[in-house]
């Protein structure tokens, strides 16, 4: 079975001037998590890596006063 990871960038509106950065950030987070799965890592480690990537990205408020 091929591993899959889905990353959601948030529920709010993404303004045009931040759209490219937000898309890149979601892709980067998903690829970091996917890389762990592809190497045989477990799902928890993959999700932690993806979330950490989003927490470190200024385009998202993951872990920093998030609105949900």
N, C-alpha and C. Protein backbone atom coordinates (compact mmCIF):
# COMPACT_ATOMS: atom_id res chain seq x y z
N UNK A 1 0.84 -1.17 0.00
CA UNK A 1 0.00 0.00 0.00
C UNK A 1 0.90 1.24 0.00
N UNK A 2 0.58 2.20 -0.85
CA UNK A 2 1.34 3.44 -0.93
C UNK A 2 0.91 4.38 0.19
N UNK A 3 1.88 4.96 0.93
CA UNK A 3 1.52 5.86 2.01
C UNK A 3 0.94 7.17 1.49
N UNK A 4 0.06 7.77 2.28
CA UNK A 4 -0.58 9.04 1.93
C UNK A 4 -0.60 9.92 3.17
N UNK A 5 -0.36 11.21 2.98
CA UNK A 5 -0.53 12.17 4.06
C UNK A 5 -1.24 13.39 3.47
N UNK A 6 -2.18 13.93 4.22
CA UNK A 6 -2.94 15.10 3.78
C UNK A 6 -2.71 16.21 4.80
N UNK A 7 -2.37 17.38 4.31
CA UNK A 7 -2.12 18.54 5.16
C UNK A 7 -3.12 19.63 4.80
N UNK A 8 -3.75 20.21 5.81
CA UNK A 8 -4.75 21.27 5.60
C UNK A 8 -4.17 22.58 6.10
N UNK A 9 -4.20 23.59 5.27
CA UNK A 9 -3.59 24.87 5.60
C UNK A 9 -4.43 25.83 6.41
N UNK A 10 -5.63 25.44 6.78
CA UNK A 10 -6.46 26.31 7.60
C UNK A 10 -7.83 26.54 7.00
N UNK A 11 -8.68 27.12 7.81
CA UNK A 11 -10.06 27.33 7.40
C UNK A 11 -10.33 28.77 6.98
N UNK A 12 -9.39 29.64 7.22
CA UNK A 12 -9.60 31.05 6.90
C UNK A 12 -9.28 31.39 5.46
N UNK A 13 -9.52 32.63 5.13
CA UNK A 13 -9.25 33.13 3.78
C UNK A 13 -7.74 33.32 3.58
N UNK A 14 -7.25 32.94 2.42
CA UNK A 14 -5.85 33.17 2.07
C UNK A 14 -5.82 34.32 1.07
N UNK A 15 -5.21 35.41 1.46
CA UNK A 15 -5.14 36.58 0.59
C UNK A 15 -4.16 36.33 -0.55
N UNK A 16 -4.42 36.95 -1.66
CA UNK A 16 -3.66 36.74 -2.90
C UNK A 16 -2.16 36.89 -2.69
N UNK A 17 -1.74 37.87 -1.91
CA UNK A 17 -0.31 38.11 -1.72
C UNK A 17 0.37 37.03 -0.87
N UNK A 18 -0.40 36.19 -0.21
CA UNK A 18 0.16 35.11 0.61
C UNK A 18 -0.11 33.72 0.02
N UNK A 19 -0.82 33.69 -1.10
CA UNK A 19 -1.25 32.42 -1.67
C UNK A 19 -0.08 31.52 -2.06
N UNK A 20 0.90 32.06 -2.76
CA UNK A 20 2.03 31.24 -3.20
C UNK A 20 2.80 30.67 -2.01
N UNK A 21 3.04 31.50 -1.00
CA UNK A 21 3.75 31.04 0.19
C UNK A 21 2.97 29.98 0.95
N UNK A 22 1.65 30.16 1.01
CA UNK A 22 0.81 29.17 1.70
C UNK A 22 0.81 27.84 0.96
N UNK A 23 0.70 27.89 -0.36
CA UNK A 23 0.75 26.65 -1.14
C UNK A 23 2.09 25.94 -0.97
N UNK A 24 3.16 26.71 -1.02
CA UNK A 24 4.49 26.12 -0.83
C UNK A 24 4.62 25.52 0.56
N UNK A 25 4.09 26.20 1.56
CA UNK A 25 4.18 25.71 2.93
C UNK A 25 3.42 24.41 3.14
N UNK A 26 2.23 24.32 2.56
CA UNK A 26 1.44 23.09 2.68
C UNK A 26 2.16 21.94 1.95
N UNK A 27 2.68 22.24 0.78
CA UNK A 27 3.41 21.21 0.02
C UNK A 27 4.63 20.75 0.79
N UNK A 28 5.39 21.70 1.34
CA UNK A 28 6.60 21.36 2.10
C UNK A 28 6.25 20.49 3.31
N UNK A 29 5.21 20.87 4.04
CA UNK A 29 4.80 20.10 5.22
C UNK A 29 4.38 18.68 4.83
N UNK A 30 3.60 18.57 3.77
CA UNK A 30 3.16 17.24 3.33
C UNK A 30 4.34 16.39 2.88
N UNK A 31 5.27 16.99 2.17
CA UNK A 31 6.42 16.23 1.68
C UNK A 31 7.34 15.79 2.82
N UNK A 32 7.46 16.60 3.85
CA UNK A 32 8.27 16.20 5.00
C UNK A 32 7.64 14.99 5.70
N UNK A 33 6.33 15.03 5.88
CA UNK A 33 5.65 13.89 6.48
C UNK A 33 5.69 12.66 5.59
N UNK A 34 5.47 12.87 4.30
CA UNK A 34 5.47 11.77 3.34
C UNK A 34 6.84 11.09 3.28
N UNK A 35 7.88 11.89 3.37
CA UNK A 35 9.24 11.33 3.34
C UNK A 35 9.45 10.33 4.48
N UNK A 36 8.93 10.63 5.64
CA UNK A 36 9.05 9.71 6.77
C UNK A 36 8.29 8.42 6.49
N UNK A 37 7.07 8.55 5.98
CA UNK A 37 6.28 7.35 5.66
C UNK A 37 6.95 6.51 4.59
N UNK A 38 7.49 7.17 3.58
CA UNK A 38 8.13 6.47 2.47
C UNK A 38 9.36 5.68 2.92
N UNK A 39 10.01 6.17 3.97
CA UNK A 39 11.19 5.48 4.51
C UNK A 39 10.81 4.41 5.53
N UNK A 40 9.52 4.16 5.68
CA UNK A 40 9.07 3.12 6.61
C UNK A 40 8.76 3.63 8.00
N UNK A 41 8.78 4.95 8.19
CA UNK A 41 8.46 5.52 9.50
C UNK A 41 6.99 5.36 9.83
N UNK A 42 6.65 5.63 11.07
CA UNK A 42 5.25 5.46 11.47
C UNK A 42 4.45 6.75 11.27
N UNK A 43 3.14 6.60 11.31
CA UNK A 43 2.23 7.71 11.03
C UNK A 43 2.38 8.85 12.04
N UNK A 44 2.59 8.53 13.30
CA UNK A 44 2.72 9.58 14.31
C UNK A 44 3.94 10.46 14.03
N UNK A 45 5.06 9.85 13.71
CA UNK A 45 6.26 10.62 13.40
C UNK A 45 6.05 11.49 12.16
N UNK A 46 5.35 10.96 11.17
CA UNK A 46 5.08 11.70 9.94
C UNK A 46 4.20 12.91 10.22
N UNK A 47 3.16 12.71 11.01
CA UNK A 47 2.26 13.82 11.34
C UNK A 47 2.97 14.87 12.18
N UNK A 48 3.77 14.44 13.14
CA UNK A 48 4.52 15.40 13.96
C UNK A 48 5.44 16.25 13.09
N UNK A 49 6.09 15.63 12.13
CA UNK A 49 6.99 16.37 11.24
C UNK A 49 6.22 17.38 10.39
N UNK A 50 5.08 16.97 9.87
CA UNK A 50 4.26 17.87 9.05
C UNK A 50 3.74 19.05 9.88
N UNK A 51 3.26 18.77 11.08
CA UNK A 51 2.74 19.83 11.94
C UNK A 51 3.86 20.78 12.36
N UNK A 52 5.01 20.24 12.70
CA UNK A 52 6.15 21.08 13.07
C UNK A 52 6.54 22.01 11.93
N UNK A 53 6.51 21.49 10.72
CA UNK A 53 6.82 22.32 9.55
C UNK A 53 5.84 23.48 9.44
N UNK A 54 4.57 23.22 9.67
CA UNK A 54 3.57 24.28 9.59
C UNK A 54 3.70 25.26 10.75
N UNK A 55 4.05 24.77 11.93
CA UNK A 55 4.25 25.66 13.08
C UNK A 55 5.41 26.62 12.84
N UNK A 56 6.40 26.16 12.09
CA UNK A 56 7.58 26.98 11.80
C UNK A 56 7.39 27.92 10.61
N UNK A 57 6.29 27.78 9.91
CA UNK A 57 6.03 28.56 8.70
C UNK A 57 5.18 29.79 9.04
N UNK A 58 5.66 31.00 8.73
CA UNK A 58 4.91 32.21 9.08
C UNK A 58 3.59 32.39 8.32
N UNK A 59 3.35 31.58 7.31
CA UNK A 59 2.09 31.67 6.56
C UNK A 59 0.92 31.04 7.31
N UNK A 60 1.22 30.31 8.38
CA UNK A 60 0.18 29.60 9.12
C UNK A 60 0.23 29.98 10.59
N UNK A 61 -0.90 29.84 11.26
CA UNK A 61 -0.94 30.12 12.69
C UNK A 61 -1.02 28.82 13.50
N UNK A 62 -0.55 27.74 12.92
CA UNK A 62 -0.57 26.44 13.60
C UNK A 62 0.23 26.54 14.90
N UNK A 63 -0.43 26.26 16.00
CA UNK A 63 0.22 26.29 17.30
C UNK A 63 0.40 27.68 17.88
N UNK A 64 0.04 28.72 17.15
CA UNK A 64 0.21 30.10 17.61
C UNK A 64 -1.10 30.86 17.51
N UNK A 65 -1.90 30.78 18.53
CA UNK A 65 -3.17 31.51 18.55
C UNK A 65 -4.08 31.11 17.40
N UNK A 66 -4.04 29.84 17.04
CA UNK A 66 -4.89 29.40 15.93
C UNK A 66 -6.36 29.66 16.26
N UNK A 67 -7.14 29.89 15.23
CA UNK A 67 -8.52 30.33 15.43
C UNK A 67 -9.52 29.20 15.60
N UNK A 68 -9.08 27.97 15.45
CA UNK A 68 -10.01 26.84 15.61
C UNK A 68 -9.65 26.07 16.86
